[in-house]
Structures are given as C-alpha cells and as structure tokens.
Amino acid sequence: MFLFAASSAALIGQKNTVPLCAPDDPSLAKTELQRYYDEETQIKEQEIQAHTDYESDKLRCKGSTGSAANTCLQKAGKTLERNMAKAAIRRNNNNNVHTKATTGFAASKDRCNVTGNSFEEQNENWRHFDALIAIKKKAIDVETKYGNAKLQCVVDAPPAPDCTKKAETQYAKDKIQIQIDINDENGTWTKNRTGILRNETRPK
C-alpha cells in the first residue's frame, strides 16, 4: 500500500475530480461473506455427489469380471477425478471473487490515508493508489487462471498435448506482465508528480 502522510486540509472547499475515500459499509463485507459461504456450501455438495456417484459406479463394476471389471473401475476413478477437478475450479473462482472483494473493501479504507501536499498531488496519488489496487486484483486473476488451467488438464479427456507445461508457460508470462504493469504505473506516477511539482514551483 502507498500511504502519503501530508495533511489534506488544503483540499477543503476545492473541487475534486477523483472520488474521495468511501465510508466504511459493513453490510457490503457481510453480503460478500454470505455469498462466499453459500457458494462454498454448494461446492461441498457437488463434491459429496461426486463421491456418491463414484461409490455407485464401483458397485456397478461388480457386475463385470476380469479385465472388464478393471476397466470399469479405472473409468469410475477417472470420472471421480474429473468431477473433483470441476469442483476445485469452482472453488478457485469463488476464492477469486472473495479475495478481490475483500481487497477492494480494504482499499476503500486505506484510500482515506492517501493525501498530498496540494490538490493536484492528492488527485495524482489517489489515481496511483487505484491503479495499484487494480493491478493487485489482476495478479489475483493470474493465480486463479493458472490454477484453473492445470485443473482443466484433468477435466479434459484426453488433455491437450503438454497441457500442464503450456499452463506453466503462460503463468510465467502473466507474472512478468504484472511486474511490467507495476513498473509502468510507478513510472507514470513519478513523471506526473514531477510535473506537478514543477508547476507548483514555477515562478508566477
């Protein structure tokens, strides 16, 4: 987090082009938490159903003998594996939504600590803060995308050639892009603040 300690008293009475920090609304966090647990409950039910189906499939395999029985059991195991991977993807997506939401709630509070030595500087600091939060959420998406890509290799039957390797390659590229985004944003912020300072110190 980027927190700026200068006083914001000079901003009083001035028109602001950037939204101020949002007041704390506990109901938003409560609603999101309820949504998260409701979805998690459904995911657990999905997993229970997957195991129930697996046990039923194994019982059906008892009607076969020899290699047919072994093939039946292998198929039942693969089906369970795919169904559990589907549930895991759903859980990853649920965690993704929840993590980004809680990140946003925390940012709304932290935004109140962002100040500046002037009206223009505070506006720029707010813009920079919001940009970094957006990148942080993008990084969360990168992690979810990677996890889901590996799980999709299990769901697909048969998986695409080098499925896991391709997921890892893309993940490495995505992480580098996050670092580029942070670097570019920090560069933009530094240049903008330099321009603001130059304008403020320029002889009138």
C-alpha atoms as a PDB file:
ATOM      1  CA  MET A   1       0.000   0.000   0.000  1.00  0.00           C
ATOM      2  CA  PHE A   2       1.117   3.538  -0.740  1.00  0.00           C
ATOM      3  CA  LEU A   3       0.221   5.861   2.122  1.00  0.00           C
ATOM      4  CA  PHE A   4       1.005   9.567   1.980  1.00  0.00           C
ATOM      5  CA  ALA A   5       1.286  11.402   5.277  1.00  0.00           C
ATOM      6  CA  ALA A   6       0.888  15.049   4.262  1.00  0.00           C
ATOM      7  CA  SER A   7      -2.137  16.970   5.525  1.00  0.00           C
ATOM      8  CA  SER A   8      -5.227  17.159   3.297  1.00  0.00           C
ATOM      9  CA  ALA A   9      -6.643  20.254   4.982  1.00  0.00           C
ATOM     10  CA  ALA A  10      -5.782  22.368   1.936  1.00  0.00           C
ATOM     11  CA  LEU A  11      -8.314  20.404  -0.107  1.00  0.00           C
ATOM     12  CA  ILE A  12     -11.314  21.692   1.824  1.00  0.00           C
ATOM     13  CA  GLY A  13     -13.629  23.692  -0.402  1.00  0.00           C
ATOM     14  CA  GLN A  14     -11.836  22.729  -3.627  1.00  0.00           C
ATOM     15  CA  LYS A  15     -13.497  20.821  -6.452  1.00  0.00           C
ATOM     16  CA  ASN A  16     -12.153  17.271  -6.685  1.00  0.00           C
ATOM     17  CA  THR A  17     -12.103  15.257  -9.912  1.00  0.00           C
ATOM     18  CA  VAL A  18     -11.363  11.932  -8.177  1.00  0.00           C
ATOM     19  CA  PRO A  19     -13.839  10.197  -5.799  1.00  0.00           C
ATOM     20  CA  LEU A  20     -12.905  10.539  -2.150  1.00  0.00           C
ATOM     21  CA  CYS A  21     -12.421   7.516   0.086  1.00  0.00           C
ATOM     22  CA  ALA A  22     -15.630   5.557   0.551  1.00  0.00           C
ATOM     23  CA  PRO A  23     -17.207   5.398   4.012  1.00  0.00           C
ATOM     24  CA  ASP A  24     -16.939   2.002   5.670  1.00  0.00           C
ATOM     25  CA  ASP A  25     -20.042  -0.055   4.893  1.00  0.00           C
ATOM     26  CA  PRO A  26     -20.003  -3.298   6.942  1.00  0.00           C
ATOM     27  CA  SER A  27     -23.079  -4.556   5.081  1.00  0.00           C
ATOM     28  CA  LEU A  28     -21.042  -4.947   1.879  1.00  0.00           C
ATOM     29  CA  ALA A  29     -18.499  -7.223   3.559  1.00  0.00           C
ATOM     30  CA  LYS A  30     -21.283  -9.151   5.267  1.00  0.00           C
ATOM     31  CA  THR A  31     -23.129  -9.667   1.980  1.00  0.00           C
ATOM     32  CA  GLU A  32     -19.975 -10.848   0.247  1.00  0.00           C
ATOM     33  CA  LEU A  33     -19.133 -13.232   3.081  1.00  0.00           C
ATOM     34  CA  GLN A  34     -22.609 -14.740   2.891  1.00  0.00           C
ATOM     35  CA  ARG A  35     -22.278 -15.125  -0.884  1.00  0.00           C
ATOM     36  CA  TYR A  36     -18.906 -16.803  -0.408  1.00  0.00           C
ATOM     37  CA  TYR A  37     -20.199 -19.328   2.131  1.00  0.00           C
ATOM     38  CA  ASP A  38     -23.329 -20.060   0.113  1.00  0.00           C
ATOM     39  CA  GLU A  39     -21.185 -20.905  -2.909  1.00  0.00           C
ATOM     40  CA  GLU A  40     -18.755 -22.939  -0.790  1.00  0.00           C
ATOM     41  CA  THR A  41     -21.669 -24.966   0.588  1.00  0.00           C
ATOM     42  CA  GLN A  42     -22.822 -25.764  -2.929  1.00  0.00           C
ATOM     43  CA  ILE A  43     -19.280 -26.768  -3.902  1.00  0.00           C
ATOM     44  CA  LYS A  44     -19.094 -29.177  -0.950  1.00  0.00           C
ATOM     45  CA  GLU A  45     -22.431 -30.651  -2.016  1.00  0.00           C
ATOM     46  CA  GLN A  46     -21.001 -31.081  -5.516  1.00  0.00           C
ATOM     47  CA  GLU A  47     -18.015 -32.945  -4.057  1.00  0.00           C
ATOM     48  CA  ILE A  48     -20.269 -35.167  -1.948  1.00  0.00           C
ATOM     49  CA  GLN A  49     -22.294 -36.016  -5.044  1.00  0.00           C
ATOM     50  CA  ALA A  50     -19.085 -36.850  -6.936  1.00  0.00           C
ATOM     51  CA  HIS A  51     -18.049 -39.332  -4.250  1.00  0.00           C
ATOM     52  CA  THR A  52     -21.559 -40.778  -4.076  1.00  0.00           C
ATOM     53  CA  ASP A  53     -21.543 -41.332  -7.835  1.00  0.00           C
ATOM     54  CA  TYR A  54     -18.113 -42.926  -7.571  1.00  0.00           C
ATOM     55  CA  GLU A  55     -19.260 -45.433  -4.957  1.00  0.00           C
ATOM     56  CA  SER A  56     -22.292 -46.277  -7.104  1.00  0.00           C
ATOM     57  CA  ASP A  57     -20.071 -46.719 -10.158  1.00  0.00           C
ATOM     58  CA  LYS A  58     -17.831 -49.127  -8.225  1.00  0.00           C
ATOM     59  CA  LEU A  59     -20.859 -51.160  -7.199  1.00  0.00           C
ATOM     60  CA  ARG A  60     -21.949 -51.366 -10.827  1.00  0.00           C
ATOM     61  CA  CYS A  61     -18.494 -52.603 -11.744  1.00  0.00           C
ATOM     62  CA  LYS A  62     -19.117 -55.684  -9.621  1.00  0.00           C
ATOM     63  CA  GLY A  63     -21.405 -56.847 -12.397  1.00  0.00           C
ATOM     64  CA  SER A  64     -18.329 -57.196 -14.622  1.00  0.00           C
ATOM     65  CA  THR A  65     -15.496 -59.700 -14.412  1.00  0.00           C
ATOM     66  CA  GLY A  66     -11.848 -59.915 -15.373  1.00  0.00           C
ATOM     67  CA  SER A  67     -10.368 -57.100 -17.436  1.00  0.00           C
ATOM     68  CA  ALA A  68     -13.815 -55.577 -17.961  1.00  0.00           C
ATOM     69  CA  ALA A  69     -14.106 -55.067 -14.204  1.00  0.00           C
ATOM     70  CA  ASN A  70     -10.698 -53.412 -14.047  1.00  0.00           C
ATOM     71  CA  THR A  71     -11.558 -51.146 -16.973  1.00  0.00           C
ATOM     72  CA  CYS A  72     -14.840 -50.252 -15.274  1.00  0.00           C
ATOM     73  CA  LEU A  73     -13.078 -49.317 -12.022  1.00  0.00           C
ATOM     74  CA  GLN A  74     -10.481 -47.255 -13.871  1.00  0.00           C
ATOM     75  CA  LYS A  75     -13.226 -45.370 -15.684  1.00  0.00           C
ATOM     76  CA  ALA A  76     -15.019 -44.743 -12.387  1.00  0.00           C
ATOM     77  CA  GLY A  77     -11.802 -43.385 -10.870  1.00  0.00           C
ATOM     78  CA  LYS A  78     -11.174 -41.070 -13.815  1.00  0.00           C
ATOM     79  CA  THR A  79     -14.732 -39.776 -13.641  1.00  0.00           C
ATOM     80  CA  LEU A  80     -14.294 -39.008  -9.944  1.00  0.00           C
ATOM     81  CA  GLU A  81     -11.002 -37.250 -10.659  1.00  0.00           C
ATOM     82  CA  ARG A  82     -12.612 -35.071 -13.341  1.00  0.00           C
ATOM     83  CA  ASN A  83     -15.618 -34.235 -11.184  1.00  0.00           C
ATOM     84  CA  MET A  84     -13.403 -33.254  -8.261  1.00  0.00           C
ATOM     85  CA  ALA A  85     -11.314 -31.078 -10.594  1.00  0.00           C
ATOM     86  CA  LYS A  86     -14.501 -29.327 -11.735  1.00  0.00           C
ATOM     87  CA  ALA A  87     -15.386 -28.635  -8.109  1.00  0.00           C
ATOM     88  CA  ALA A  88     -11.873 -27.323  -7.476  1.00  0.00           C
ATOM     89  CA  ILE A  89     -12.176 -24.913 -10.417  1.00  0.00           C
ATOM     90  CA  ARG A  90     -15.448 -23.680  -8.977  1.00  0.00           C
ATOM     91  CA  ARG A  91     -13.788 -23.184  -5.583  1.00  0.00           C
ATOM     92  CA  ASN A  92     -10.885 -21.301  -7.160  1.00  0.00           C
ATOM     93  CA  ASN A  93     -13.353 -18.965  -8.853  1.00  0.00           C
ATOM     94  CA  ASN A  94     -15.234 -18.442  -5.600  1.00  0.00           C
ATOM     95  CA  ASN A  95     -11.999 -17.659  -3.763  1.00  0.00           C
ATOM     96  CA  ASN A  96     -11.043 -15.293  -6.571  1.00  0.00           C
ATOM     97  CA  VAL A  97     -14.244 -13.261  -6.257  1.00  0.00           C
ATOM     98  CA  HIS A  98     -13.964 -13.183  -2.473  1.00  0.00           C
ATOM     99  CA  THR A  99     -10.291 -12.193  -2.394  1.00  0.00           C
ATOM    100  CA  LYS A 100     -10.796  -9.368  -4.887  1.00  0.00           C
ATOM    101  CA  ALA A 101     -13.854  -8.164  -2.993  1.00  0.00           C
ATOM    102  CA  THR A 102     -12.034  -8.075   0.357  1.00  0.00           C
ATOM    103  CA  THR A 103      -9.093  -6.370  -1.356  1.00  0.00           C
ATOM    104  CA  GLY A 104     -11.500  -3.714  -2.575  1.00  0.00           C
ATOM    105  CA  PHE A 105     -13.046  -3.260   0.874  1.00  0.00           C
ATOM    106  CA  ALA A 106      -9.621  -2.811   2.464  1.00  0.00           C
ATOM    107  CA  ALA A 107      -8.584  -0.395  -0.279  1.00  0.00           C
ATOM    108  CA  SER A 108     -11.646   1.751   0.345  1.00  0.00           C
ATOM    109  CA  LYS A 109     -10.471   2.256   3.920  1.00  0.00           C
ATOM    110  CA  ASP A 110      -6.799   2.739   3.024  1.00  0.00           C
ATOM    111  CA  ARG A 111      -7.742   5.314   0.391  1.00  0.00           C
ATOM    112  CA  CYS A 112      -8.646   7.677   3.231  1.00  0.00           C
ATOM    113  CA  ASN A 113      -4.959   7.704   4.235  1.00  0.00           C
ATOM    114  CA  VAL A 114      -3.804   8.874   0.804  1.00  0.00           C
ATOM    115  CA  THR A 115      -3.046  12.590   0.855  1.00  0.00           C
ATOM    116  CA  GLY A 116      -0.801  15.090  -0.909  1.00  0.00           C
ATOM    117  CA  ASN A 117       0.869  18.445  -0.464  1.00  0.00           C
ATOM    118  CA  SER A 118      -1.554  20.020  -2.910  1.00  0.00           C
ATOM    119  CA  PHE A 119      -4.910  19.406  -4.550  1.00  0.00           C
ATOM    120  CA  GLU A 120      -3.237  18.205  -7.762  1.00  0.00           C
ATOM    121  CA  GLU A 121      -0.794  15.949  -5.941  1.00  0.00           C
ATOM    122  CA  GLN A 122      -3.519  14.285  -3.908  1.00  0.00           C
ATOM    123  CA  ASN A 123      -5.543  13.644  -7.059  1.00  0.00           C
ATOM    124  CA  GLU A 124      -2.495  12.012  -8.634  1.00  0.00           C
ATOM    125  CA  ASN A 125      -1.775   9.984  -5.512  1.00  0.00           C
ATOM    126  CA  TRP A 126      -5.361   8.726  -5.491  1.00  0.00           C
ATOM    127  CA  ARG A 127      -5.098   7.803  -9.162  1.00  0.00           C
ATOM    128  CA  HIS A 128      -1.872   5.933  -8.472  1.00  0.00           C
ATOM    129  CA  PHE A 129      -3.367   4.139  -5.471  1.00  0.00           C
ATOM    130  CA  ASP A 130      -6.379   2.996  -7.514  1.00  0.00           C
ATOM    131  CA  ALA A 131      -4.123   1.814 -10.337  1.00  0.00           C
ATOM    132  CA  LEU A 132      -2.045  -0.296  -7.962  1.00  0.00           C
ATOM    133  CA  ILE A 133      -5.173  -1.856  -6.478  1.00  0.00           C
ATOM    134  CA  ALA A 134      -6.355  -2.712  -9.993  1.00  0.00           C
ATOM    135  CA  ILE A 135      -3.017  -4.401 -10.687  1.00  0.00           C
ATOM    136  CA  LYS A 136      -3.250  -6.283  -7.402  1.00  0.00           C
ATOM    137  CA  LYS A 137      -6.639  -7.651  -8.456  1.00  0.00           C
ATOM    138  CA  LYS A 138      -5.177  -8.552 -11.846  1.00  0.00           C
ATOM    139  CA  ALA A 139      -2.462 -10.526 -10.051  1.00  0.00           C
ATOM    140  CA  ILE A 140      -5.166 -12.433  -8.173  1.00  0.00           C
ATOM    141  CA  ASP A 141      -6.739 -13.288 -11.532  1.00  0.00           C
ATOM    142  CA  VAL A 142      -3.380 -14.554 -12.789  1.00  0.00           C
ATOM    143  CA  GLU A 143      -3.098 -17.004  -9.890  1.00  0.00           C
ATOM    144  CA  THR A 144      -6.665 -18.236 -10.406  1.00  0.00           C
ATOM    145  CA  LYS A 145      -6.157 -18.608 -14.140  1.00  0.00           C
ATOM    146  CA  TYR A 146      -3.042 -20.719 -13.574  1.00  0.00           C
ATOM    147  CA  GLY A 147      -4.691 -22.976 -11.015  1.00  0.00           C
ATOM    148  CA  ASN A 148      -7.733 -23.485 -13.209  1.00  0.00           C
ATOM    149  CA  ALA A 149      -5.638 -24.173 -16.294  1.00  0.00           C
ATOM    150  CA  LYS A 150      -3.884 -27.054 -14.538  1.00  0.00           C
ATOM    151  CA  LEU A 151      -7.188 -28.425 -13.277  1.00  0.00           C
ATOM    152  CA  GLN A 152      -8.675 -28.165 -16.760  1.00  0.00           C
ATOM    153  CA  CYS A 153      -5.948 -30.545 -17.894  1.00  0.00           C
ATOM    154  CA  VAL A 154      -7.545 -33.094 -15.561  1.00  0.00           C
ATOM    155  CA  VAL A 155     -11.090 -32.328 -16.671  1.00  0.00           C
ATOM    156  CA  ASP A 156     -10.318 -32.687 -20.369  1.00  0.00           C
ATOM    157  CA  ALA A 157     -10.228 -36.269 -21.565  1.00  0.00           C
ATOM    158  CA  PRO A 158      -7.760 -36.692 -23.044  1.00  0.00           C
ATOM    159  CA  PRO A 159      -5.904 -33.478 -22.111  1.00  0.00           C
ATOM    160  CA  ALA A 160      -4.296 -31.392 -24.817  1.00  0.00           C
ATOM    161  CA  PRO A 161      -0.624 -32.207 -25.514  1.00  0.00           C
ATOM    162  CA  ASP A 162       1.705 -30.562 -22.973  1.00  0.00           C
ATOM    163  CA  CYS A 163      -1.357 -29.139 -21.220  1.00  0.00           C
ATOM    164  CA  THR A 164       0.318 -28.513 -17.860  1.00  0.00           C
ATOM    165  CA  LYS A 165       3.513 -27.223 -19.466  1.00  0.00           C
ATOM    166  CA  LYS A 166       1.522 -24.712 -21.518  1.00  0.00           C
ATOM    167  CA  ALA A 167      -0.264 -23.541 -18.364  1.00  0.00           C
ATOM    168  CA  GLU A 168       3.071 -23.018 -16.622  1.00  0.00           C
ATOM    169  CA  THR A 169       4.500 -21.131 -19.608  1.00  0.00           C
ATOM    170  CA  GLN A 170       1.502 -18.795 -19.731  1.00  0.00           C
ATOM    171  CA  TYR A 171       1.669 -18.302 -15.967  1.00  0.00           C
ATOM    172  CA  ALA A 172       5.297 -17.195 -16.210  1.00  0.00           C
ATOM    173  CA  LYS A 173       4.380 -14.710 -18.947  1.00  0.00           C
ATOM    174  CA  ASP A 174       1.444 -13.359 -16.941  1.00  0.00           C
ATOM    175  CA  LYS A 175       3.600 -12.812 -13.855  1.00  0.00           C
ATOM    176  CA  ILE A 176       6.128 -10.883 -15.906  1.00  0.00           C
ATOM    177  CA  GLN A 177       3.306  -8.719 -17.281  1.00  0.00           C
ATOM    178  CA  ILE A 178       2.199  -7.896 -13.740  1.00  0.00           C
ATOM    179  CA  GLN A 179       5.713  -6.669 -12.963  1.00  0.00           C
ATOM    180  CA  ILE A 180       5.695  -4.617 -16.168  1.00  0.00           C
ATOM    181  CA  ASP A 181       2.343  -3.091 -15.215  1.00  0.00           C
ATOM    182  CA  ILE A 182       3.668  -2.120 -11.778  1.00  0.00           C
ATOM    183  CA  ASN A 183       6.850  -0.678 -13.272  1.00  0.00           C
ATOM    184  CA  ASP A 184       4.924   1.320 -15.890  1.00  0.00           C
ATOM    185  CA  GLU A 185       2.480   2.648 -13.313  1.00  0.00           C
ATOM    186  CA  ASN A 186       5.243   3.679 -10.928  1.00  0.00           C
ATOM    187  CA  GLY A 187       6.965   5.448 -13.840  1.00  0.00           C
ATOM    188  CA  THR A 188       3.769   7.286 -14.771  1.00  0.00           C
ATOM    189  CA  TRP A 189       3.220   8.303 -11.157  1.00  0.00           C
ATOM    190  CA  THR A 190       6.769   9.593 -10.784  1.00  0.00           C
ATOM    191  CA  LYS A 191       6.563  11.622 -14.011  1.00  0.00           C
ATOM    192  CA  ASN A 192       3.165  13.064 -13.112  1.00  0.00           C
ATOM    193  CA  ARG A 193       4.300  14.098  -9.636  1.00  0.00           C
ATOM    194  CA  THR A 194       7.448  15.648 -11.098  1.00  0.00           C
ATOM    195  CA  GLY A 195       5.286  17.695 -13.459  1.00  0.00           C
ATOM    196  CA  ILE A 196       3.013  18.770 -10.607  1.00  0.00           C
ATOM    197  CA  LEU A 197       5.982  19.864  -8.500  1.00  0.00           C
ATOM    198  CA  ARG A 198       7.442  21.769 -11.442  1.00  0.00           C
ATOM    199  CA  ASN A 199       4.194  23.642 -11.981  1.00  0.00           C
ATOM    200  CA  GLU A 200       3.900  24.439  -8.289  1.00  0.00           C
ATOM    201  CA  THR A 201       7.441  25.831  -8.018  1.00  0.00           C
ATOM    202  CA  ARG A 202       7.374  27.722 -11.318  1.00  0.00           C
ATOM    203  CA  PRO A 203       7.536  31.493 -10.797  1.00  0.00           C
ATOM    204  CA  LYS A 204       4.127  33.098 -11.180  1.00  0.00           C
END
